[in-house]
PDB file of N, CA and C in Angstrom:
ATOM      1  N   MET A   1      93.679  47.597 -61.107  1.00  0.00           N
ATOM      2  CA  MET A   1      93.050  48.877 -60.814  1.00  0.00           C
ATOM      3  C   MET A   1      94.027  49.971 -61.181  1.00  0.00           C
ATOM      4  N   SER A   2      93.571  50.929 -61.913  1.00  0.00           N
ATOM      5  CA  SER A   2      94.513  52.011 -62.307  1.00  0.00           C
ATOM      6  C   SER A   2      94.909  52.906 -61.104  1.00  0.00           C
ATOM      7  N   PHE A   3      95.971  53.584 -61.322  1.00  0.00           N
ATOM      8  CA  PHE A   3      96.438  54.552 -60.297  1.00  0.00           C
ATOM      9  C   PHE A   3      95.377  55.557 -59.905  1.00  0.00           C
ATOM     10  N   LEU A   4      94.799  56.084 -60.962  1.00  0.00           N
ATOM     11  CA  LEU A   4      93.722  57.131 -60.726  1.00  0.00           C
ATOM     12  C   LEU A   4      92.589  56.561 -59.856  1.00  0.00           C
ATOM     13  N   LYS A   5      92.129  55.363 -60.162  1.00  0.00           N
ATOM     14  CA  LYS A   5      91.045  54.783 -59.377  1.00  0.00           C
ATOM     15  C   LYS A   5      91.462  54.500 -57.967  1.00  0.00           C
ATOM     16  N   LYS A   6      92.758  54.059 -57.754  1.00  0.00           N
ATOM     17  CA  LYS A   6      93.255  53.843 -56.407  1.00  0.00           C
ATOM     18  C   LYS A   6      93.329  55.150 -55.618  1.00  0.00           C
ATOM     19  N   LEU A   7      93.748  56.192 -56.277  1.00  0.00           N
ATOM     20  CA  LEU A   7      93.840  57.490 -55.681  1.00  0.00           C
ATOM     21  C   LEU A   7      92.445  57.969 -55.325  1.00  0.00           C
ATOM     22  N   LEU A   8      91.525  57.856 -56.173  1.00  0.00           N
ATOM     23  CA  LEU A   8      90.122  58.308 -55.869  1.00  0.00           C
ATOM     24  C   LEU A   8      89.493  57.475 -54.729  1.00  0.00           C
ATOM     25  N   MET A   9      89.708  56.193 -54.752  1.00  0.00           N
ATOM     26  CA  MET A   9      89.130  55.404 -53.676  1.00  0.00           C
ATOM     27  C   MET A   9      89.814  55.712 -52.397  1.00  0.00           C
ATOM     28  N   SER A  10      91.076  55.992 -52.337  1.00  0.00           N
ATOM     29  CA  SER A  10      91.785  56.385 -51.112  1.00  0.00           C
ATOM     30  C   SER A  10      91.328  57.736 -50.601  1.00  0.00           C
ATOM     31  N   SER A  11      91.089  58.622 -51.547  1.00  0.00           N
ATOM     32  CA  SER A  11      90.635  59.964 -51.133  1.00  0.00           C
ATOM     33  C   SER A  11      89.246  59.822 -50.535  1.00  0.00           C
ATOM     34  N   LEU A  12      88.361  59.129 -51.140  1.00  0.00           N
ATOM     35  CA  LEU A  12      87.003  58.991 -50.622  1.00  0.00           C
ATOM     36  C   LEU A  12      86.971  58.302 -49.256  1.00  0.00           C
ATOM     37  N   PHE A  13      87.823  57.309 -49.113  1.00  0.00           N
ATOM     38  CA  PHE A  13      87.896  56.585 -47.788  1.00  0.00           C
ATOM     39  C   PHE A  13      88.447  57.626 -46.696  1.00  0.00           C
ATOM     40  N   ALA A  14      89.431  58.410 -47.098  1.00  0.00           N
ATOM     41  CA  ALA A  14      90.029  59.351 -46.123  1.00  0.00           C
ATOM     42  C   ALA A  14      88.946  60.379 -45.733  1.00  0.00           C
ATOM     43  N   MET A  15      88.166  60.864 -46.711  1.00  0.00           N
ATOM     44  CA  MET A  15      87.192  61.850 -46.382  1.00  0.00           C
ATOM     45  C   MET A  15      86.099  61.291 -45.503  1.00  0.00           C
ATOM     46  N   LEU A  16      85.704  60.021 -45.759  1.00  0.00           N
ATOM     47  CA  LEU A  16      84.782  59.313 -44.896  1.00  0.00           C
ATOM     48  C   LEU A  16      85.254  59.172 -43.442  1.00  0.00           C
ATOM     49  N   LEU A  17      86.546  58.871 -43.323  1.00  0.00           N
ATOM     50  CA  LEU A  17      87.081  58.734 -41.979  1.00  0.00           C
ATOM     51  C   LEU A  17      87.136  60.086 -41.214  1.00  0.00           C
ATOM     52  N   ILE A  18      87.521  61.087 -41.999  1.00  0.00           N
ATOM     53  CA  ILE A  18      87.642  62.470 -41.409  1.00  0.00           C
ATOM     54  C   ILE A  18      86.204  62.954 -40.932  1.00  0.00           C
ATOM     55  N   PHE A  19      85.288  62.730 -41.811  1.00  0.00           N
ATOM     56  CA  PHE A  19      83.880  63.094 -41.495  1.00  0.00           C
ATOM     57  C   PHE A  19      83.336  62.401 -40.334  1.00  0.00           C
ATOM     58  N   SER A  20      83.564  61.068 -40.280  1.00  0.00           N
ATOM     59  CA  SER A  20      83.011  60.243 -39.212  1.00  0.00           C
ATOM     60  C   SER A  20      83.712  60.659 -37.903  1.00  0.00           C
ATOM     61  N   ALA A  21      85.000  60.995 -37.942  1.00  0.00           N
ATOM     62  CA  ALA A  21      85.664  61.303 -36.699  1.00  0.00           C
ATOM     63  C   ALA A  21      85.231  62.709 -36.188  1.00  0.00           C
ATOM     64  N   ALA A  22      84.874  63.578 -37.086  1.00  0.00           N
ATOM     65  CA  ALA A  22      84.550  64.951 -36.729  1.00  0.00           C
ATOM     66  C   ALA A  22      83.068  65.138 -36.325  1.00  0.00           C
ATOM     67  N   HIS A  23      82.243  64.105 -36.633  1.00  0.00           N
ATOM     68  CA  HIS A  23      80.859  64.222 -36.405  1.00  0.00           C
ATOM     69  C   HIS A  23      80.477  63.010 -35.510  1.00  0.00           C
ATOM     70  N   SER A  24      79.894  63.346 -34.400  1.00  0.00           N
ATOM     71  CA  SER A  24      79.541  62.310 -33.355  1.00  0.00           C
ATOM     72  C   SER A  24      78.094  62.026 -33.324  1.00  0.00           C
ATOM     73  N   ALA A  25      77.412  61.905 -34.488  1.00  0.00           N
ATOM     74  CA  ALA A  25      75.971  61.540 -34.477  1.00  0.00           C
ATOM     75  C   ALA A  25      75.777  60.122 -34.122  1.00  0.00           C
ATOM     76  N   PRO A  26      74.643  59.791 -33.557  1.00  0.00           N
ATOM     77  CA  PRO A  26      74.436  58.362 -33.237  1.00  0.00           C
ATOM     78  C   PRO A  26      74.434  57.519 -34.436  1.00  0.00           C
ATOM     79  N   ALA A  27      75.008  56.308 -34.312  1.00  0.00           N
ATOM     80  CA  ALA A  27      75.131  55.403 -35.432  1.00  0.00           C
ATOM     81  C   ALA A  27      73.759  54.856 -35.852  1.00  0.00           C
ATOM     82  N   LEU A  28      73.614  54.664 -37.118  1.00  0.00           N
ATOM     83  CA  LEU A  28      72.393  54.040 -37.648  1.00  0.00           C
ATOM     84  C   LEU A  28      72.702  52.629 -38.195  1.00  0.00           C
ATOM     85  N   ASP A  29      71.791  51.738 -38.017  1.00  0.00           N
ATOM     86  CA  ASP A  29      71.853  50.450 -38.617  1.00  0.00           C
ATOM     87  C   ASP A  29      71.122  50.406 -39.932  1.00  0.00           C
ATOM     88  N   VAL A  30      71.473  49.352 -40.674  1.00  0.00           N
ATOM     89  CA  VAL A  30      70.751  49.125 -41.952  1.00  0.00           C
ATOM     90  C   VAL A  30      69.236  49.021 -41.699  1.00  0.00           C
ATOM     91  N   GLY A  31      68.448  49.785 -42.371  1.00  0.00           N
ATOM     92  CA  GLY A  31      66.973  49.750 -42.157  1.00  0.00           C
ATOM     93  C   GLY A  31      66.434  50.736 -41.264  1.00  0.00           C
ATOM     94  N   ASP A  32      67.286  51.459 -40.518  1.00  0.00           N
ATOM     95  CA  ASP A  32      66.886  52.557 -39.688  1.00  0.00           C
ATOM     96  C   ASP A  32      66.480  53.723 -40.491  1.00  0.00           C
ATOM     97  N   LYS A  33      65.593  54.481 -39.948  1.00  0.00           N
ATOM     98  CA  LYS A  33      65.103  55.710 -40.641  1.00  0.00           C
ATOM     99  C   LYS A  33      66.114  56.818 -40.394  1.00  0.00           C
ATOM    100  N   ALA A  34      66.407  57.620 -41.416  1.00  0.00           N
ATOM    101  CA  ALA A  34      67.317  58.719 -41.340  1.00  0.00           C
ATOM    102  C   ALA A  34      66.667  59.765 -40.483  1.00  0.00           C
ATOM    103  N   PRO A  35      67.510  60.431 -39.716  1.00  0.00           N
ATOM    104  CA  PRO A  35      66.928  61.561 -38.848  1.00  0.00           C
ATOM    105  C   PRO A  35      66.308  62.669 -39.725  1.00  0.00           C
ATOM    106  N   GLU A  36      65.302  63.255 -39.197  1.00  0.00           N
ATOM    107  CA  GLU A  36      64.656  64.374 -39.976  1.00  0.00           C
ATOM    108  C   GLU A  36      65.528  65.576 -40.009  1.00  0.00           C
ATOM    109  N   PHE A  37      65.619  66.183 -41.139  1.00  0.00           N
ATOM    110  CA  PHE A  37      66.305  67.475 -41.258  1.00  0.00           C
ATOM    111  C   PHE A  37      65.716  68.226 -42.459  1.00  0.00           C
ATOM    112  N   ASP A  38      66.023  69.545 -42.458  1.00  0.00           N
ATOM    113  CA  ASP A  38      65.536  70.359 -43.566  1.00  0.00           C
ATOM    114  C   ASP A  38      66.627  71.231 -44.152  1.00  0.00           C
ATOM    115  N   LEU A  39      66.585  71.577 -45.363  1.00  0.00           N
ATOM    116  CA  LEU A  39      67.606  72.303 -46.054  1.00  0.00           C
ATOM    117  C   LEU A  39      66.993  73.427 -46.824  1.00  0.00           C
ATOM    118  N   ASP A  40      67.744  74.508 -47.129  1.00  0.00           N
ATOM    119  CA  ASP A  40      67.268  75.602 -47.936  1.00  0.00           C
ATOM    120  C   ASP A  40      67.161  74.988 -49.353  1.00  0.00           C
ATOM    121  N   SER A  41      65.974  75.186 -49.977  1.00  0.00           N
ATOM    122  CA  SER A  41      65.695  74.751 -51.324  1.00  0.00           C
ATOM    123  C   SER A  41      66.268  75.685 -52.324  1.00  0.00           C
ATOM    124  N   THR A  42      66.702  75.115 -53.447  1.00  0.00           N
ATOM    125  CA  THR A  42      67.263  76.013 -54.551  1.00  0.00           C
ATOM    126  C   THR A  42      66.065  76.828 -55.217  1.00  0.00           C
ATOM    127  N   LYS A  43      64.875  76.447 -54.887  1.00  0.00           N
ATOM    128  CA  LYS A  43      63.675  77.176 -55.383  1.00  0.00           C
ATOM    129  C   LYS A  43      63.083  78.167 -54.346  1.00  0.00           C
ATOM    130  N   GLY A  44      63.820  78.315 -53.214  1.00  0.00           N
ATOM    131  CA  GLY A  44      63.334  79.152 -52.155  1.00  0.00           C
ATOM    132  C   GLY A  44      62.606  78.284 -51.171  1.00  0.00           C
ATOM    133  N   GLY A  45      62.584  78.742 -49.901  1.00  0.00           N
ATOM    134  CA  GLY A  45      61.895  77.984 -48.895  1.00  0.00           C
ATOM    135  C   GLY A  45      62.734  76.834 -48.347  1.00  0.00           C
ATOM    136  N   LYS A  46      62.082  75.929 -47.600  1.00  0.00           N
ATOM    137  CA  LYS A  46      62.725  74.785 -46.948  1.00  0.00           C
ATOM    138  C   LYS A  46      62.267  73.432 -47.654  1.00  0.00           C
ATOM    139  N   LEU A  47      63.230  72.490 -47.615  1.00  0.00           N
ATOM    140  CA  LEU A  47      62.919  71.168 -48.098  1.00  0.00           C
ATOM    141  C   LEU A  47      63.221  70.239 -47.020  1.00  0.00           C
ATOM    142  N   LYS A  48      62.176  69.484 -46.575  1.00  0.00           N
ATOM    143  CA  LYS A  48      62.327  68.514 -45.533  1.00  0.00           C
ATOM    144  C   LYS A  48      62.570  67.131 -46.054  1.00  0.00           C
ATOM    145  N   LEU A  49      63.337  66.361 -45.390  1.00  0.00           N
ATOM    146  CA  LEU A  49      63.652  64.992 -45.867  1.00  0.00           C
ATOM    147  C   LEU A  49      62.328  64.184 -45.868  1.00  0.00           C
ATOM    148  N   SER A  50      61.443  64.408 -44.902  1.00  0.00           N
ATOM    149  CA  SER A  50      60.190  63.587 -44.882  1.00  0.00           C
ATOM    150  C   SER A  50      59.307  63.880 -46.119  1.00  0.00           C
ATOM    151  N   SER A  51      59.475  65.052 -46.711  1.00  0.00           N
ATOM    152  CA  SER A  51      58.682  65.284 -47.930  1.00  0.00           C
ATOM    153  C   SER A  51      59.098  64.474 -49.137  1.00  0.00           C
ATOM    154  N   LEU A  52      60.231  63.797 -48.981  1.00  0.00           N
ATOM    155  CA  LEU A  52      60.720  62.942 -50.078  1.00  0.00           C
ATOM    156  C   LEU A  52      60.472  61.460 -49.865  1.00  0.00           C
ATOM    157  N   ARG A  53      59.688  61.149 -48.775  1.00  0.00           N
ATOM    158  CA  ARG A  53      59.478  59.749 -48.469  1.00  0.00           C
ATOM    159  C   ARG A  53      58.887  58.992 -49.644  1.00  0.00           C
ATOM    160  N   GLY A  54      59.461  57.769 -49.821  1.00  0.00           N
ATOM    161  CA  GLY A  54      59.025  56.927 -50.973  1.00  0.00           C
ATOM    162  C   GLY A  54      59.763  57.173 -52.219  1.00  0.00           C
ATOM    163  N   LYS A  55      60.723  58.195 -52.191  1.00  0.00           N
ATOM    164  CA  LYS A  55      61.518  58.503 -53.417  1.00  0.00           C
ATOM    165  C   LYS A  55      62.957  58.168 -53.098  1.00  0.00           C
ATOM    166  N   ASN A  56      63.701  57.900 -54.143  1.00  0.00           N
ATOM    167  CA  ASN A  56      65.141  57.679 -53.985  1.00  0.00           C
ATOM    168  C   ASN A  56      65.809  59.083 -53.735  1.00  0.00           C
ATOM    169  N   VAL A  57      66.709  59.105 -52.772  1.00  0.00           N
ATOM    170  CA  VAL A  57      67.324  60.313 -52.273  1.00  0.00           C
ATOM    171  C   VAL A  57      68.761  60.074 -52.211  1.00  0.00           C
ATOM    172  N   LEU A  58      69.580  60.907 -52.941  1.00  0.00           N
ATOM    173  CA  LEU A  58      71.043  60.908 -52.814  1.00  0.00           C
ATOM    174  C   LEU A  58      71.478  62.154 -52.191  1.00  0.00           C
ATOM    175  N   ILE A  59      72.157  62.008 -51.011  1.00  0.00           N
ATOM    176  CA  ILE A  59      72.705  63.223 -50.317  1.00  0.00           C
ATOM    177  C   ILE A  59      74.083  63.322 -50.563  1.00  0.00           C
ATOM    178  N   ASN A  60      74.551  64.386 -51.125  1.00  0.00           N
ATOM    179  CA  ASN A  60      75.913  64.616 -51.426  1.00  0.00           C
ATOM    180  C   ASN A  60      76.487  65.804 -50.634  1.00  0.00           C
ATOM    181  N   PHE A  61      77.382  65.513 -49.764  1.00  0.00           N
ATOM    182  CA  PHE A  61      78.016  66.588 -48.936  1.00  0.00           C
ATOM    183  C   PHE A  61      79.247  67.012 -49.545  1.00  0.00           C
ATOM    184  N   TYR A  62      79.405  68.215 -49.722  1.00  0.00           N
ATOM    185  CA  TYR A  62      80.652  68.729 -50.330  1.00  0.00           C
ATOM    186  C   TYR A  62      81.050  70.072 -49.733  1.00  0.00           C
ATOM    187  N   ARG A  63      82.300  70.386 -49.828  1.00  0.00           N
ATOM    188  CA  ARG A  63      82.858  71.639 -49.229  1.00  0.00           C
ATOM    189  C   ARG A  63      82.872  72.640 -50.356  1.00  0.00           C
ATOM    190  N   ASN A  64      82.280  73.786 -50.117  1.00  0.00           N
ATOM    191  CA  ASN A  64      82.314  74.793 -51.177  1.00  0.00           C
ATOM    192  C   ASN A  64      83.260  75.976 -50.889  1.00  0.00           C
ATOM    193  N   ASP A  65      83.993  75.900 -49.719  1.00  0.00           N
ATOM    194  CA  ASP A  65      84.906  76.933 -49.402  1.00  0.00           C
ATOM    195  C   ASP A  65      86.343  76.224 -49.392  1.00  0.00           C
ATOM    196  N   PHE A  66      87.149  76.551 -50.459  1.00  0.00           N
ATOM    197  CA  PHE A  66      88.419  75.906 -50.489  1.00  0.00           C
ATOM    198  C   PHE A  66      89.504  76.775 -49.991  1.00  0.00           C
ATOM    199  N   ASP A  67      89.145  77.664 -49.052  1.00  0.00           N
ATOM    200  CA  ASP A  67      90.194  78.466 -48.448  1.00  0.00           C
ATOM    201  C   ASP A  67      91.010  77.681 -47.473  1.00  0.00           C
ATOM    202  N   PRO A  68      92.339  77.667 -47.609  1.00  0.00           N
ATOM    203  CA  PRO A  68      93.132  76.715 -46.757  1.00  0.00           C
ATOM    204  C   PRO A  68      93.247  77.103 -45.352  1.00  0.00           C
ATOM    205  N   THR A  69      92.816  78.258 -44.897  1.00  0.00           N
ATOM    206  CA  THR A  69      92.879  78.689 -43.532  1.00  0.00           C
ATOM    207  C   THR A  69      91.648  78.358 -42.685  1.00  0.00           C
TER     208      THR A  69
END
């Protein structure tokens, strides 16, 4: 495995650990339904997770504020 791939995998694992330690949501098991939530849509209005039932959904969490403070 190349150095870049190892670095990427390590970074992803570290981010997962940090997120899981900072967030104390109840654990889900395989096959459990995701909790309902809604988000602001890029087209205006709200988008509910339940409105996507039966479709493949990828949820990508990212930080958009890179201010070090």
